[in-house]
Structure formats: structure tokens, C-alpha cells
Amino acid sequence: MINGAHFLLYSRDPASAADLLYAFYNGLFGVELPPGSLGAAFFIPTAIVPLLFLTHAMMFRLLLQSRGGPVRPS
């Protein structure tokens, strides 16, 4: 049985991951900034955003496995 917290996680994680992918795609191809115009902020889309997406994928995997019992390390 899914309680309220699990429902919120199941409903929000795919939506936020889709939003993160859309923002990443739009940042790469939609804005068309000249190279070097971001300065030090270039670190955000190149290093932090992929890590955020990775944590979303890991959380969703853990959520899907939590139904069947303990999570086994792979």
C-alpha cells in the first residue's frame, strides 16, 4: 500500500526529471549563447545538472524497488 509520502515521490520524481531534461535540452540548443558568455556559470549546466539527473534516476530506481523488499546492491 502506498502512503502519502510515497505517492508524492512517485508523482513528482518523473515530472521533475522530465523538467530537468527539458531545461538541459533547451539550454544546449534553445538559447544559442555565444561561447564563453556564461563565464563561471558554465559549471552549472555542465557539471551540476547531469548530477541532478543522475540522482533523480537513482531515486526513481529505489522507489520502484522499494515495493518488492530490500534493495540489493548491484
PDB file of N, CA and C in Angstrom:
ATOM      1  N   MET A   1       0.827  -1.176   0.000  1.00  0.00           N
ATOM      2  CA  MET A   1       0.000   0.000   0.000  1.00  0.00           C
ATOM      3  C   MET A   1       0.877   1.247   0.000  1.00  0.00           C
ATOM      4  N   ILE A   2       0.501   2.222  -0.797  1.00  0.00           N
ATOM      5  CA  ILE A   2       1.283   3.439  -0.926  1.00  0.00           C
ATOM      6  C   ILE A   2       0.717   4.492   0.015  1.00  0.00           C
ATOM      7  N   ASN A   3       1.577   5.015   0.903  1.00  0.00           N
ATOM      8  CA  ASN A   3       1.126   6.087   1.784  1.00  0.00           C
ATOM      9  C   ASN A   3       1.315   7.438   1.087  1.00  0.00           C
ATOM     10  N   GLY A   4       0.999   8.522   1.775  1.00  0.00           N
ATOM     11  CA  GLY A   4       1.041   9.848   1.173  1.00  0.00           C
ATOM     12  C   GLY A   4       2.426  10.264   0.709  1.00  0.00           C
ATOM     13  N   ALA A   5       3.459   9.915   1.465  1.00  0.00           N
ATOM     14  CA  ALA A   5       4.821  10.300   1.086  1.00  0.00           C
ATOM     15  C   ALA A   5       5.256   9.577  -0.182  1.00  0.00           C
ATOM     16  N   HIS A   6       4.956   8.281  -0.257  1.00  0.00           N
ATOM     17  CA  HIS A   6       5.309   7.547  -1.470  1.00  0.00           C
ATOM     18  C   HIS A   6       4.547   8.090  -2.676  1.00  0.00           C
ATOM     19  N   PHE A   7       3.291   8.436  -2.491  1.00  0.00           N
ATOM     20  CA  PHE A   7       2.517   8.993  -3.598  1.00  0.00           C
ATOM     21  C   PHE A   7       3.153  10.278  -4.120  1.00  0.00           C
ATOM     22  N   LEU A   8       3.572  11.147  -3.200  1.00  0.00           N
ATOM     23  CA  LEU A   8       4.214  12.391  -3.623  1.00  0.00           C
ATOM     24  C   LEU A   8       5.519  12.122  -4.366  1.00  0.00           C
ATOM     25  N   LEU A   9       6.297  11.179  -3.883  1.00  0.00           N
ATOM     26  CA  LEU A   9       7.555  10.859  -4.557  1.00  0.00           C
ATOM     27  C   LEU A   9       7.320  10.229  -5.925  1.00  0.00           C
ATOM     28  N   TYR A  10       6.361   9.290  -6.001  1.00  0.00           N
ATOM     29  CA  TYR A  10       6.077   8.648  -7.278  1.00  0.00           C
ATOM     30  C   TYR A  10       5.545   9.639  -8.307  1.00  0.00           C
ATOM     31  N   SER A  11       4.776  10.618  -7.868  1.00  0.00           N
ATOM     32  CA  SER A  11       4.187  11.555  -8.816  1.00  0.00           C
ATOM     33  C   SER A  11       5.145  12.679  -9.178  1.00  0.00           C
ATOM     34  N   ARG A  12       6.004  13.098  -8.270  1.00  0.00           N
ATOM     35  CA  ARG A  12       6.870  14.244  -8.533  1.00  0.00           C
ATOM     36  C   ARG A  12       8.185  13.871  -9.201  1.00  0.00           C
ATOM     37  N   ASP A  13       8.734  12.700  -8.943  1.00  0.00           N
ATOM     38  CA  ASP A  13      10.050  12.373  -9.476  1.00  0.00           C
ATOM     39  C   ASP A  13      10.068  12.313 -11.002  1.00  0.00           C
ATOM     40  N   PRO A  14       9.148  11.627 -11.667  1.00  0.00           N
ATOM     41  CA  PRO A  14       9.192  11.639 -13.143  1.00  0.00           C
ATOM     42  C   PRO A  14       8.934  13.030 -13.721  1.00  0.00           C
ATOM     43  N   ALA A  15       8.066  13.802 -13.082  1.00  0.00           N
ATOM     44  CA  ALA A  15       7.773  15.143 -13.593  1.00  0.00           C
ATOM     45  C   ALA A  15       8.992  16.051 -13.458  1.00  0.00           C
ATOM     46  N   SER A  16       9.673  15.981 -12.334  1.00  0.00           N
ATOM     47  CA  SER A  16      10.848  16.836 -12.165  1.00  0.00           C
ATOM     48  C   SER A  16      12.008  16.364 -13.037  1.00  0.00           C
ATOM     49  N   ALA A  17      12.126  15.064 -13.268  1.00  0.00           N
ATOM     50  CA  ALA A  17      13.169  14.581 -14.169  1.00  0.00           C
ATOM     51  C   ALA A  17      12.892  15.032 -15.601  1.00  0.00           C
ATOM     52  N   ALA A  18      11.634  15.012 -16.020  1.00  0.00           N
ATOM     53  CA  ALA A  18      11.287  15.497 -17.357  1.00  0.00           C
ATOM     54  C   ALA A  18      11.564  16.992 -17.477  1.00  0.00           C
ATOM     55  N   ASP A  19      11.270  17.751 -16.432  1.00  0.00           N
ATOM     56  CA  ASP A  19      11.550  19.183 -16.436  1.00  0.00           C
ATOM     57  C   ASP A  19      13.049  19.445 -16.505  1.00  0.00           C
ATOM     58  N   LEU A  20      13.837  18.638 -15.801  1.00  0.00           N
ATOM     59  CA  LEU A  20      15.285  18.782 -15.833  1.00  0.00           C
ATOM     60  C   LEU A  20      15.843  18.474 -17.218  1.00  0.00           C
ATOM     61  N   LEU A  21      15.328  17.424 -17.853  1.00  0.00           N
ATOM     62  CA  LEU A  21      15.765  17.105 -19.223  1.00  0.00           C
ATOM     63  C   LEU A  21      15.378  18.198 -20.202  1.00  0.00           C
ATOM     64  N   TYR A  22      14.180  18.738 -20.068  1.00  0.00           N
ATOM     65  CA  TYR A  22      13.743  19.817 -20.955  1.00  0.00           C
ATOM     66  C   TYR A  22      14.625  21.059 -20.782  1.00  0.00           C
ATOM     67  N   ALA A  23      14.933  21.411 -19.545  1.00  0.00           N
ATOM     68  CA  ALA A  23      15.783  22.572 -19.293  1.00  0.00           C
ATOM     69  C   ALA A  23      17.195  22.343 -19.826  1.00  0.00           C
ATOM     70  N   PHE A  24      17.710  21.127 -19.683  1.00  0.00           N
ATOM     71  CA  PHE A  24      19.041  20.812 -20.189  1.00  0.00           C
ATOM     72  C   PHE A  24      19.069  20.911 -21.712  1.00  0.00           C
ATOM     73  N   TYR A  25      18.056  20.355 -22.377  1.00  0.00           N
ATOM     74  CA  TYR A  25      17.973  20.427 -23.838  1.00  0.00           C
ATOM     75  C   TYR A  25      17.809  21.870 -24.298  1.00  0.00           C
ATOM     76  N   ASN A  26      16.947  22.613 -23.643  1.00  0.00           N
ATOM     77  CA  ASN A  26      16.712  23.998 -24.019  1.00  0.00           C
ATOM     78  C   ASN A  26      17.954  24.848 -23.788  1.00  0.00           C
ATOM     79  N   GLY A  27      18.710  24.547 -22.765  1.00  0.00           N
ATOM     80  CA  GLY A  27      19.948  25.274 -22.512  1.00  0.00           C
ATOM     81  C   GLY A  27      21.014  24.999 -23.559  1.00  0.00           C
ATOM     82  N   LEU A  28      21.032  23.773 -24.080  1.00  0.00           N
ATOM     83  CA  LEU A  28      22.032  23.446 -25.084  1.00  0.00           C
ATOM     84  C   LEU A  28      21.674  23.971 -26.470  1.00  0.00           C
ATOM     85  N   PHE A  29      20.404  23.844 -26.857  1.00  0.00           N
ATOM     86  CA  PHE A  29      20.028  24.139 -28.233  1.00  0.00           C
ATOM     87  C   PHE A  29      19.077  25.319 -28.393  1.00  0.00           C
ATOM     88  N   GLY A  30      18.372  25.717 -27.356  1.00  0.00           N
ATOM     89  CA  GLY A  30      17.347  26.732 -27.494  1.00  0.00           C
ATOM     90  C   GLY A  30      17.839  28.160 -27.334  1.00  0.00           C
ATOM     91  N   VAL A  31      18.828  28.381 -26.498  1.00  0.00           N
ATOM     92  CA  VAL A  31      19.246  29.736 -26.171  1.00  0.00           C
ATOM     93  C   VAL A  31      20.241  30.289 -27.186  1.00  0.00           C
ATOM     94  N   GLU A  32      21.137  29.456 -27.652  1.00  0.00           N
ATOM     95  CA  GLU A  32      22.166  29.805 -28.640  1.00  0.00           C
ATOM     96  C   GLU A  32      23.017  30.983 -28.176  1.00  0.00           C
ATOM     97  N   LEU A  33      23.612  30.846 -27.012  1.00  0.00           N
ATOM     98  CA  LEU A  33      24.524  31.862 -26.497  1.00  0.00           C
ATOM     99  C   LEU A  33      25.887  31.704 -27.158  1.00  0.00           C
ATOM    100  N   PRO A  34      26.607  32.794 -27.339  1.00  0.00           N
ATOM    101  CA  PRO A  34      27.971  32.664 -27.868  1.00  0.00           C
ATOM    102  C   PRO A  34      28.868  31.976 -26.837  1.00  0.00           C
ATOM    103  N   PRO A  35      29.862  31.246 -27.296  1.00  0.00           N
ATOM    104  CA  PRO A  35      30.761  30.548 -26.366  1.00  0.00           C
ATOM    105  C   PRO A  35      31.448  31.536 -25.420  1.00  0.00           C
ATOM    106  N   GLY A  36      31.544  31.173 -24.176  1.00  0.00           N
ATOM    107  CA  GLY A  36      32.211  31.986 -23.182  1.00  0.00           C
ATOM    108  C   GLY A  36      31.349  33.052 -22.544  1.00  0.00           C
ATOM    109  N   SER A  37      30.098  33.177 -22.954  1.00  0.00           N
ATOM    110  CA  SER A  37      29.262  34.240 -22.396  1.00  0.00           C
ATOM    111  C   SER A  37      28.744  33.911 -20.997  1.00  0.00           C
ATOM    112  N   LEU A  38      28.770  32.648 -20.615  1.00  0.00           N
ATOM    113  CA  LEU A  38      28.305  32.281 -19.277  1.00  0.00           C
ATOM    114  C   LEU A  38      29.363  32.495 -18.203  1.00  0.00           C
ATOM    115  N   GLY A  39      30.600  32.544 -18.582  1.00  0.00           N
ATOM    116  CA  GLY A  39      31.671  32.715 -17.613  1.00  0.00           C
ATOM    117  C   GLY A  39      31.758  31.524 -16.677  1.00  0.00           C
ATOM    118  N   ALA A  40      31.845  31.796 -15.383  1.00  0.00           N
ATOM    119  CA  ALA A  40      31.949  30.728 -14.395  1.00  0.00           C
ATOM    120  C   ALA A  40      30.641  29.958 -14.240  1.00  0.00           C
ATOM    121  N   ALA A  41      29.523  30.531 -14.681  1.00  0.00           N
ATOM    122  CA  ALA A  41      28.236  29.848 -14.590  1.00  0.00           C
ATOM    123  C   ALA A  41      28.152  28.668 -15.556  1.00  0.00           C
ATOM    124  N   PHE A  42      29.126  28.519 -16.433  1.00  0.00           N
ATOM    125  CA  PHE A  42      29.173  27.368 -17.331  1.00  0.00           C
ATOM    126  C   PHE A  42      29.266  26.059 -16.551  1.00  0.00           C
ATOM    127  N   PHE A  43      29.773  26.148 -15.329  1.00  0.00           N
ATOM    128  CA  PHE A  43      29.899  24.975 -14.459  1.00  0.00           C
ATOM    129  C   PHE A  43      28.543  24.368 -14.120  1.00  0.00           C
ATOM    130  N   ILE A  44      27.496  25.190 -14.015  1.00  0.00           N
ATOM    131  CA  ILE A  44      26.175  24.709 -13.600  1.00  0.00           C
ATOM    132  C   ILE A  44      25.593  23.723 -14.608  1.00  0.00           C
ATOM    133  N   PRO A  45      25.445  24.075 -15.908  1.00  0.00           N
ATOM    134  CA  PRO A  45      24.843  23.101 -16.832  1.00  0.00           C
ATOM    135  C   PRO A  45      25.756  21.941 -17.192  1.00  0.00           C
ATOM    136  N   THR A  46      27.067  22.114 -17.053  1.00  0.00           N
ATOM    137  CA  THR A  46      27.956  21.034 -17.459  1.00  0.00           C
ATOM    138  C   THR A  46      28.270  20.042 -16.354  1.00  0.00           C
ATOM    139  N   ALA A  47      28.237  20.455 -15.101  1.00  0.00           N
ATOM    140  CA  ALA A  47      28.609  19.549 -14.012  1.00  0.00           C
ATOM    141  C   ALA A  47      27.458  19.252 -13.057  1.00  0.00           C
ATOM    142  N   ILE A  48      26.674  20.244 -12.713  1.00  0.00           N
ATOM    143  CA  ILE A  48      25.657  20.050 -11.689  1.00  0.00           C
ATOM    144  C   ILE A  48      24.383  19.434 -12.250  1.00  0.00           C
ATOM    145  N   VAL A  49      23.931  19.889 -13.416  1.00  0.00           N
ATOM    146  CA  VAL A  49      22.676  19.375 -13.978  1.00  0.00           C
ATOM    147  C   VAL A  49      22.752  17.873 -14.284  1.00  0.00           C
ATOM    148  N   PRO A  50      23.824  17.365 -14.897  1.00  0.00           N
ATOM    149  CA  PRO A  50      23.882  15.902 -15.079  1.00  0.00           C
ATOM    150  C   PRO A  50      23.882  15.129 -13.761  1.00  0.00           C
ATOM    151  N   LEU A  51      24.509  15.671 -12.729  1.00  0.00           N
ATOM    152  CA  LEU A  51      24.476  15.007 -11.424  1.00  0.00           C
ATOM    153  C   LEU A  51      23.072  15.011 -10.832  1.00  0.00           C
ATOM    154  N   LEU A  52      22.332  16.099 -11.025  1.00  0.00           N
ATOM    155  CA  LEU A  52      20.948  16.141 -10.569  1.00  0.00           C
ATOM    156  C   LEU A  52      20.106  15.095 -11.282  1.00  0.00           C
ATOM    157  N   PHE A  53      20.307  14.946 -12.585  1.00  0.00           N
ATOM    158  CA  PHE A  53      19.552  13.936 -13.315  1.00  0.00           C
ATOM    159  C   PHE A  53      19.921  12.532 -12.848  1.00  0.00           C
ATOM    160  N   LEU A  54      21.185  12.314 -12.557  1.00  0.00           N
ATOM    161  CA  LEU A  54      21.612  11.014 -12.050  1.00  0.00           C
ATOM    162  C   LEU A  54      20.963  10.706 -10.712  1.00  0.00           C
ATOM    163  N   THR A  55      20.877  11.685  -9.829  1.00  0.00           N
ATOM    164  CA  THR A  55      20.221  11.436  -8.540  1.00  0.00           C
ATOM    165  C   THR A  55      18.728  11.189  -8.716  1.00  0.00           C
ATOM    166  N   HIS A  56      18.091  11.842  -9.696  1.00  0.00           N
ATOM    167  CA  HIS A  56      16.689  11.551  -9.983  1.00  0.00           C
ATOM    168  C   HIS A  56      16.526  10.107 -10.447  1.00  0.00           C
ATOM    169  N   ALA A  57      17.396   9.654 -11.323  1.00  0.00           N
ATOM    170  CA  ALA A  57      17.310   8.280 -11.823  1.00  0.00           C
ATOM    171  C   ALA A  57      17.525   7.276 -10.691  1.00  0.00           C
ATOM    172  N   MET A  58      18.489   7.547  -9.811  1.00  0.00           N
ATOM    173  CA  MET A  58      18.740   6.628  -8.700  1.00  0.00           C
ATOM    174  C   MET A  58      17.567   6.598  -7.721  1.00  0.00           C
ATOM    175  N   MET A  59      16.977   7.754  -7.434  1.00  0.00           N
ATOM    176  CA  MET A  59      15.820   7.788  -6.533  1.00  0.00           C
ATOM    177  C   MET A  59      14.626   7.046  -7.124  1.00  0.00           C
ATOM    178  N   PHE A  60      14.393   7.231  -8.415  1.00  0.00           N
ATOM    179  CA  PHE A  60      13.268   6.541  -9.036  1.00  0.00           C
ATOM    180  C   PHE A  60      13.500   5.035  -9.038  1.00  0.00           C
ATOM    181  N   ARG A  61      14.736   4.608  -9.235  1.00  0.00           N
ATOM    182  CA  ARG A  61      15.056   3.179  -9.178  1.00  0.00           C
ATOM    183  C   ARG A  61      14.809   2.636  -7.768  1.00  0.00           C
ATOM    184  N   LEU A  62      15.223   3.390  -6.769  1.00  0.00           N
ATOM    185  CA  LEU A  62      14.984   2.963  -5.385  1.00  0.00           C
ATOM    186  C   LEU A  62      13.493   2.918  -5.066  1.00  0.00           C
ATOM    187  N   LEU A  63      12.744   3.875  -5.588  1.00  0.00           N
ATOM    188  CA  LEU A  63      11.304   3.871  -5.351  1.00  0.00           C
ATOM    189  C   LEU A  63      10.648   2.648  -5.982  1.00  0.00           C
ATOM    190  N   LEU A  64      11.063   2.298  -7.175  1.00  0.00           N
ATOM    191  CA  LEU A  64      10.468   1.141  -7.841  1.00  0.00           C
ATOM    192  C   LEU A  64      10.856  -0.160  -7.155  1.00  0.00           C
ATOM    193  N   GLN A  65      12.056  -0.228  -6.601  1.00  0.00           N
ATOM    194  CA  GLN A  65      12.493  -1.450  -5.928  1.00  0.00           C
ATOM    195  C   GLN A  65      11.952  -1.551  -4.511  1.00  0.00           C
ATOM    196  N   SER A  66      11.500  -0.449  -3.929  1.00  0.00           N
ATOM    197  CA  SER A  66      11.051  -0.491  -2.534  1.00  0.00           C
ATOM    198  C   SER A  66       9.773  -1.295  -2.371  1.00  0.00           C
ATOM    199  N   ARG A  67       9.063  -1.533  -3.436  1.00  0.00           N
ATOM    200  CA  ARG A  67       7.836  -2.330  -3.352  1.00  0.00           C
ATOM    201  C   ARG A  67       8.132  -3.807  -3.128  1.00  0.00           C
ATOM    202  N   GLY A  68       9.226  -4.292  -3.685  1.00  0.00           N
ATOM    203  CA  GLY A  68       9.500  -5.730  -3.654  1.00  0.00           C
ATOM    204  C   GLY A  68      10.353  -6.208  -2.509  1.00  0.00           C
ATOM    205  N   GLY A  69      10.728  -5.378  -1.591  1.00  0.00           N
ATOM    206  CA  GLY A  69      11.553  -5.808  -0.483  1.00  0.00           C
ATOM    207  C   GLY A  69      12.822  -4.985  -0.417  1.00  0.00           C
ATOM    208  N   PRO A  70      13.839  -5.553   0.229  1.00  0.00           N
ATOM    209  CA  PRO A  70      15.090  -4.791   0.394  1.00  0.00           C
ATOM    210  C   PRO A  70      15.811  -4.592  -0.931  1.00  0.00           C
ATOM    211  N   VAL A  71      16.523  -3.484  -1.023  1.00  0.00           N
ATOM    212  CA  VAL A  71      17.268  -3.163  -2.237  1.00  0.00           C
ATOM    213  C   VAL A  71      18.601  -3.868  -2.168  1.00  0.00           C
ATOM    214  N   ARG A  72      18.926  -4.604  -3.202  1.00  0.00           N
ATOM    215  CA  ARG A  72      20.199  -5.318  -3.273  1.00  0.00           C
ATOM    216  C   ARG A  72      21.202  -4.456  -4.035  1.00  0.00           C
ATOM    217  N   PRO A  73      22.424  -4.314  -3.546  1.00  0.00           N
ATOM    218  CA  PRO A  73      23.413  -3.540  -4.290  1.00  0.00           C
ATOM    219  C   PRO A  73      23.760  -4.255  -5.590  1.00  0.00           C
ATOM    220  N   SER A  74      23.934  -3.468  -6.640  1.00  0.00           N
ATOM    221  CA  SER A  74      24.240  -4.089  -7.948  1.00  0.00           C
ATOM    222  C   SER A  74      25.712  -4.046  -8.256  1.00  0.00           C
TER     223      SER A  74
END
